[in-house]
Amino acid sequence: MHNDWFIIINPTSGNGKSKKHIPKILQLLKQQQITYNYAITKYVKHEFELVQNAITNGYHKIISVGGDGTLHNIVNGILHQSVLSSSLIKIAVIPFGTGNDWVKNYQISKDLSKNISTIKSEHTTYQDIGKITLNSTKTIVYFNNLAGIGFDGHVVNSIGKYKKYGAISYLLAVFVGFSKYKSVDLSIELDNKIIEVNSLMTLIGLCKYSGGGMRLTEKSDPTNGLFDITIIKHLNLATVLVNLPKLFNGKITKHRKVTTYKTNNISISLPKNKTVFMQADGELIDSENFTVELIPKAIQVITPKKS
């Protein structure tokens, strides 16, 4: 292993904002005497391949330049390789996405100078990671922020057409999609009990924020070895509008149609012959019955020092 950073840049993140800032990012890194090599993604999920090649070539410090999807693909590339234990790998993020939900959890600055000073300090936090295993195909998908089943996935499926509106794109997709979406029957197994529920959406959270700053899980902590589970039963649009502020301040978890749990392992069975959208860190995944287990302290992430 050597001590240089490997930077993976998604030039399409933030509607192309990251591409415009590449010269400034590289200049600031040089000013801080941070040595690096970098690569620019050329196609969807290229990050997966780039990070695995970097690790094979001796890198153990990775900078993600992009949004939540860029980081998701990098994390999956790291967890799917066997050259180096994932817990020895450090990840820093320079955020240029639409939602930038993961960085909010650690209060990572969007200001480039402050952000790169944080990277220079190499102050790390060991973070837990979620591991989704699809039952029939045995496909494995990792997530570092939050996975969702139901309306949450439905919104992710349609959000592309609203991304030009920036941070409010998720909210627009929510309101447009609400009139078309029907809640689904789920069978959820956790802590040796089975919950049968007609669910608007069910969330499996590590971090606090999703959907452009919404707080739909209760007191999530990505370092405590537990998922925060939120099961939201069917809500009508009027209820959502009345409770809109609670979607962003975390108080929605106190609503009478919302239940929360803490666990490190969960299995969910979907209704037969019905498409149920599923997402991990805002990326769609195949729809089928699945299990999720928590991998404690799986990676190191660069975070600001707490004062």
Protein backbone atom coordinates (compact mmCIF):
# COMPACT_ATOMS: atom_id res chain seq x y z
CA MET A 1 0.00 0.00 0.00
CA HIS A 2 1.13 3.55 -0.68
CA ASN A 3 -0.07 6.82 0.80
CA ASP A 4 -1.44 8.64 -2.25
CA TRP A 5 -5.15 9.29 -2.60
CA PHE A 6 -7.11 7.94 -5.55
CA ILE A 7 -9.87 10.31 -6.68
CA ILE A 8 -12.94 9.09 -8.55
CA ILE A 9 -14.87 11.92 -10.21
CA ASN A 10 -18.39 11.57 -11.60
CA PRO A 11 -18.61 14.47 -14.09
CA THR A 12 -22.41 14.27 -14.36
CA SER A 13 -23.11 14.76 -10.64
CA GLY A 14 -25.10 17.84 -9.67
CA ASN A 15 -26.23 18.34 -13.28
CA GLY A 16 -22.58 18.59 -14.37
CA LYS A 17 -21.46 20.84 -11.52
CA SER A 18 -18.67 18.47 -10.45
CA LYS A 19 -17.06 18.56 -13.90
CA LYS A 20 -16.77 22.36 -13.78
CA HIS A 21 -14.98 22.20 -10.42
CA ILE A 22 -12.32 19.62 -11.33
CA PRO A 23 -9.50 22.19 -11.87
CA LYS A 24 -10.26 23.92 -8.55
CA ILE A 25 -10.42 20.61 -6.64
CA LEU A 26 -7.04 19.49 -8.00
CA GLN A 27 -5.49 22.90 -7.30
CA LEU A 28 -6.67 22.90 -3.66
CA LEU A 29 -5.38 19.37 -3.14
CA LYS A 30 -1.95 20.44 -4.40
CA GLN A 31 -2.00 23.50 -2.13
CA GLN A 32 -2.63 21.19 0.84
CA GLN A 33 0.24 18.97 -0.39
CA ILE A 34 -2.11 16.03 -0.82
CA THR A 35 -0.66 13.63 -3.37
CA TYR A 36 -3.12 11.87 -5.65
CA ASN A 37 -4.06 10.26 -8.92
CA TYR A 38 -7.53 10.49 -10.36
CA ALA A 39 -9.95 9.02 -12.85
CA ILE A 40 -13.20 10.31 -14.34
CA THR A 41 -16.16 7.97 -14.73
CA LYS A 42 -17.24 7.29 -18.29
CA TYR A 43 -20.39 5.24 -17.83
CA VAL A 44 -22.94 4.15 -15.22
CA LYS A 45 -21.38 2.30 -12.26
CA HIS A 46 -17.87 2.83 -13.64
CA GLU A 47 -16.88 3.74 -10.04
CA PHE A 48 -17.19 0.06 -9.08
CA GLU A 49 -14.48 -0.94 -11.55
CA LEU A 50 -12.27 2.10 -10.92
CA VAL A 51 -12.09 1.61 -7.16
CA GLN A 52 -11.33 -2.09 -7.47
CA ASN A 53 -8.49 -1.37 -9.90
CA ALA A 54 -7.16 1.30 -7.54
CA ILE A 55 -7.11 -1.10 -4.60
CA THR A 56 -5.37 -3.75 -6.72
CA ASN A 57 -2.73 -1.11 -7.53
CA GLY A 58 -2.03 -0.39 -3.86
CA TYR A 59 -4.40 2.47 -3.01
CA HIS A 60 -6.26 2.40 0.30
CA LYS A 61 -7.42 6.04 0.40
CA ILE A 62 -10.28 7.00 -1.92
CA ILE A 63 -11.95 10.35 -2.59
CA SER A 64 -15.47 10.30 -4.06
CA VAL A 65 -16.34 13.42 -6.07
CA GLY A 66 -20.04 13.31 -6.85
CA GLY A 67 -23.32 12.52 -5.20
CA ASP A 68 -24.81 9.76 -3.08
CA GLY A 69 -24.92 7.41 -6.08
CA THR A 70 -21.21 7.88 -6.75
CA LEU A 71 -20.39 7.02 -3.14
CA HIS A 72 -22.77 4.04 -3.23
CA ASN A 73 -20.98 2.56 -6.24
CA ILE A 74 -17.56 3.12 -4.66
CA VAL A 75 -18.65 1.44 -1.43
CA ASN A 76 -19.98 -1.53 -3.41
CA GLY A 77 -16.72 -1.80 -5.33
CA ILE A 78 -14.78 -1.83 -2.05
CA LEU A 79 -17.01 -4.38 -0.30
CA HIS A 80 -17.08 -6.71 -3.31
CA GLN A 81 -13.27 -6.99 -3.57
CA SER A 82 -11.02 -9.32 -1.56
CA VAL A 83 -7.58 -7.76 -2.08
CA LEU A 84 -7.75 -5.65 1.08
CA SER A 85 -10.02 -5.68 4.13
CA SER A 86 -12.61 -2.93 3.72
CA SER A 87 -11.91 -1.72 7.27
CA LEU A 88 -8.40 -0.69 6.15
CA ILE A 89 -9.78 1.56 3.41
CA LYS A 90 -10.47 5.26 3.97
CA ILE A 91 -13.14 7.12 2.01
CA ALA A 92 -13.50 10.89 1.74
CA VAL A 93 -16.34 12.67 -0.06
CA ILE A 94 -16.40 15.95 -1.97
CA PRO A 95 -20.17 16.37 -2.47
CA PHE A 96 -21.63 17.51 -5.78
CA GLY A 97 -24.86 15.51 -5.95
CA THR A 98 -28.51 16.47 -6.03
CA GLY A 99 -29.39 15.36 -2.50
CA ASN A 100 -26.01 14.95 -0.75
CA ASP A 101 -27.77 13.09 2.07
CA TRP A 102 -24.85 11.02 3.37
CA VAL A 103 -22.57 14.02 4.03
CA LYS A 104 -25.30 15.73 6.08
CA ASN A 105 -25.04 12.97 8.67
CA TYR A 106 -21.39 13.88 9.40
CA GLN A 107 -21.78 17.63 8.74
CA ILE A 108 -19.21 17.45 5.95
CA SER A 109 -18.86 20.88 4.40
CA LYS A 110 -19.77 21.65 0.79
CA ASP A 111 -17.20 24.44 0.89
CA LEU A 112 -14.25 23.07 -1.07
CA SER A 113 -11.51 24.65 1.04
CA LYS A 114 -13.02 23.41 4.32
CA ASN A 115 -13.73 20.01 2.83
CA ILE A 116 -10.18 19.48 1.60
CA SER A 117 -8.79 20.64 4.96
CA THR A 118 -10.89 17.86 6.52
CA ILE A 119 -9.43 15.37 4.06
CA LYS A 120 -5.93 16.59 4.91
CA SER A 121 -6.56 15.88 8.62
CA GLU A 122 -7.53 12.25 7.85
CA HIS A 123 -9.75 12.13 10.93
CA THR A 124 -11.65 8.89 10.49
CA THR A 125 -14.87 7.32 11.75
CA TYR A 126 -15.53 3.60 11.41
CA GLN A 127 -18.96 3.20 9.82
CA ASP A 128 -21.32 0.25 9.66
CA ILE A 129 -22.54 -0.97 6.27
CA GLY A 130 -25.75 -2.74 5.27
CA LYS A 131 -25.60 -5.93 3.19
CA ILE A 132 -28.68 -6.82 1.15
CA THR A 133 -28.91 -10.38 -0.19
CA LEU A 134 -31.64 -11.08 -2.76
CA ASN A 135 -33.06 -14.50 -1.96
CA SER A 136 -33.42 -16.16 -5.37
CA THR A 137 -30.41 -14.78 -7.26
CA LYS A 138 -28.13 -14.39 -4.19
CA THR A 139 -27.15 -10.98 -5.60
CA ILE A 140 -25.51 -8.81 -2.93
CA VAL A 141 -25.90 -5.04 -2.73
CA TYR A 142 -24.26 -2.95 -0.01
CA PHE A 143 -25.52 0.40 1.25
CA ASN A 144 -23.96 3.09 3.41
CA ASN A 145 -26.95 5.35 4.02
CA LEU A 146 -30.46 3.93 3.71
CA ALA A 147 -32.46 1.32 1.81
CA GLY A 148 -36.18 1.60 1.12
CA ILE A 149 -39.01 -0.58 -0.14
CA GLY A 150 -42.30 0.68 -1.55
CA PHE A 151 -43.11 4.32 -2.22
CA ASP A 152 -39.51 5.30 -1.50
CA GLY A 153 -38.35 3.07 -4.37
CA HIS A 154 -41.22 4.28 -6.57
CA VAL A 155 -39.98 7.86 -6.13
CA VAL A 156 -36.39 6.88 -6.98
CA ASN A 157 -37.71 5.18 -10.14
CA SER A 158 -39.29 8.44 -11.32
CA ILE A 159 -36.93 11.08 -9.94
CA GLY A 160 -34.75 11.37 -13.05
CA LYS A 161 -37.20 13.67 -14.80
CA TYR A 162 -37.11 16.12 -11.86
CA LYS A 163 -33.36 16.25 -11.15
CA LYS A 164 -32.98 19.52 -13.05
CA TYR A 165 -34.83 21.16 -10.13
CA GLY A 166 -32.01 20.28 -7.72
CA ALA A 167 -32.64 19.69 -4.02
CA ILE A 168 -36.46 19.83 -4.30
CA SER A 169 -36.53 17.11 -7.00
CA TYR A 170 -37.34 14.38 -4.47
CA LEU A 171 -40.21 16.38 -3.02
CA LEU A 172 -41.65 17.00 -6.49
CA ALA A 173 -41.43 13.28 -7.29
CA VAL A 174 -43.20 12.52 -4.00
CA PHE A 175 -46.21 14.73 -4.75
CA VAL A 176 -46.53 13.67 -8.39
CA GLY A 177 -46.15 9.99 -7.55
CA PHE A 178 -48.51 9.93 -4.59
CA SER A 179 -51.70 9.87 -6.64
CA LYS A 180 -50.56 6.80 -8.58
CA TYR A 181 -49.00 4.69 -5.84
CA LYS A 182 -50.78 1.93 -3.91
CA SER A 183 -49.45 0.58 -0.61
CA VAL A 184 -48.27 -3.04 -0.60
CA ASP A 185 -48.53 -5.97 1.79
CA LEU A 186 -45.17 -6.91 3.27
CA SER A 187 -44.11 -9.73 5.58
CA ILE A 188 -41.26 -8.48 7.74
CA GLU A 189 -39.20 -10.69 10.03
CA LEU A 190 -36.97 -9.11 12.67
CA ASP A 191 -35.86 -10.12 16.16
CA ASN A 192 -37.69 -13.46 15.87
CA LYS A 193 -41.08 -11.89 15.17
CA ILE A 194 -43.08 -11.57 11.97
CA ILE A 195 -44.91 -8.35 11.11
CA GLU A 196 -47.61 -8.44 8.43
CA VAL A 197 -48.31 -4.90 7.29
CA ASN A 198 -49.84 -2.89 4.46
CA SER A 199 -46.96 -0.48 4.01
CA LEU A 200 -46.57 2.79 2.15
CA MET A 201 -42.83 2.37 2.60
CA THR A 202 -40.42 0.55 4.83
CA LEU A 203 -36.98 2.03 5.48
CA ILE A 204 -33.77 0.43 6.71
CA GLY A 205 -31.51 3.23 7.88
CA LEU A 206 -27.90 3.62 8.92
CA CYS A 207 -27.69 7.41 8.62
CA LYS A 208 -30.20 10.17 9.40
CA TYR A 209 -31.05 11.74 6.04
CA SER A 210 -32.57 10.63 2.75
CA GLY A 211 -34.63 12.08 -0.07
CA GLY A 212 -32.86 15.44 -0.11
CA GLY A 213 -32.78 16.03 3.64
CA MET A 214 -35.80 14.14 4.96
CA ARG A 215 -35.44 12.43 8.34
CA LEU A 216 -37.58 9.31 8.19
CA THR A 217 -35.73 7.16 10.73
CA GLU A 218 -35.44 7.62 14.48
CA LYS A 219 -32.06 8.59 15.98
CA SER A 220 -30.02 6.75 13.35
CA ASP A 221 -26.35 6.25 14.15
CA PRO A 222 -24.12 4.59 11.53
CA THR A 223 -21.61 3.51 14.18
CA ASN A 224 -23.79 1.76 16.78
CA GLY A 225 -24.19 -1.66 15.16
CA LEU A 226 -27.95 -1.31 14.61
CA PHE A 227 -30.29 -0.46 11.75
CA ASP A 228 -33.12 1.98 12.40
CA ILE A 229 -36.24 0.48 10.83
CA THR A 230 -39.23 2.67 9.97
CA ILE A 231 -42.49 1.10 8.79
CA ILE A 232 -44.97 3.65 7.47
CA LYS A 233 -48.49 2.39 6.93
CA HIS A 234 -50.74 3.86 4.25
CA LEU A 235 -51.02 7.66 4.40
CA ASN A 236 -53.17 9.86 2.16
CA LEU A 237 -51.86 13.02 0.51
CA ALA A 238 -53.68 15.31 2.95
CA THR A 239 -51.92 13.61 5.89
CA VAL A 240 -48.55 14.00 4.16
CA LEU A 241 -49.17 17.72 3.52
CA VAL A 242 -50.23 18.38 7.12
CA ASN A 243 -47.16 16.55 8.41
CA LEU A 244 -44.70 17.92 5.84
CA PRO A 245 -42.41 19.66 8.40
CA LYS A 246 -42.22 16.39 10.37
CA LEU A 247 -40.71 14.65 7.32
CA PHE A 248 -37.69 16.93 7.70
CA ASN A 249 -37.33 17.22 11.49
CA GLY A 250 -37.65 13.51 12.30
CA LYS A 251 -40.95 13.82 14.17
CA ILE A 252 -42.81 11.79 11.53
CA THR A 253 -41.57 8.70 13.41
CA LYS A 254 -43.99 9.64 16.23
CA HIS A 255 -47.06 9.52 13.96
CA ARG A 256 -49.61 6.85 14.91
CA LYS A 257 -49.24 5.15 11.52
CA VAL A 258 -45.46 4.87 11.87
CA THR A 259 -43.61 2.20 13.85
CA THR A 260 -39.88 2.00 14.46
CA TYR A 261 -37.49 -0.77 15.47
CA LYS A 262 -33.77 -1.27 16.03
CA THR A 263 -32.12 -4.47 14.82
CA ASN A 264 -29.04 -5.73 12.98
CA ASN A 265 -30.84 -8.25 10.76
CA ILE A 266 -34.13 -8.13 8.86
CA SER A 267 -35.90 -10.20 6.19
CA ILE A 268 -38.70 -8.90 3.97
CA SER A 269 -41.04 -10.86 1.70
CA LEU A 270 -42.81 -8.98 -1.10
CA PRO A 271 -46.29 -9.71 -2.51
CA LYS A 272 -46.35 -12.16 -5.43
CA ASN A 273 -47.09 -10.96 -8.95
CA LYS A 274 -46.67 -7.30 -8.09
CA THR A 275 -43.74 -5.00 -8.83
CA VAL A 276 -42.41 -3.36 -5.68
CA PHE A 277 -39.61 -0.87 -6.22
CA MET A 278 -36.59 -1.12 -3.95
CA GLN A 279 -33.70 1.31 -3.56
CA ALA A 280 -30.36 1.43 -1.77
CA ASP A 281 -28.76 4.87 -1.28
CA GLY A 282 -31.08 6.22 -3.97
CA GLU A 283 -30.11 3.54 -6.52
CA LEU A 284 -32.75 1.08 -7.76
CA ILE A 285 -32.12 -2.61 -7.09
CA ASP A 286 -33.92 -5.74 -8.29
CA SER A 287 -37.29 -6.40 -6.71
CA GLU A 288 -37.54 -9.71 -4.85
CA ASN A 289 -37.59 -11.15 -1.33
CA PHE A 290 -34.42 -10.29 0.55
CA THR A 291 -32.51 -10.27 3.82
CA VAL A 292 -30.38 -7.47 5.23
CA GLU A 293 -27.56 -7.86 7.72
CA LEU A 294 -25.36 -5.22 9.29
CA ILE A 295 -21.56 -5.32 8.92
CA PRO A 296 -20.16 -3.40 11.92
CA LYS A 297 -17.33 -0.89 11.42
CA ALA A 298 -16.90 -2.02 7.82
CA ILE A 299 -15.15 1.06 6.40
CA GLN A 300 -13.34 4.20 7.53
CA VAL A 301 -14.84 7.52 6.46
CA ILE A 302 -13.13 10.90 6.68
CA THR A 303 -15.16 13.20 8.93
CA PRO A 304 -14.63 16.62 10.56
CA LYS A 305 -13.21 16.56 14.07
CA LYS A 306 -15.86 17.28 16.67
CA SER A 307 -15.12 20.43 18.64
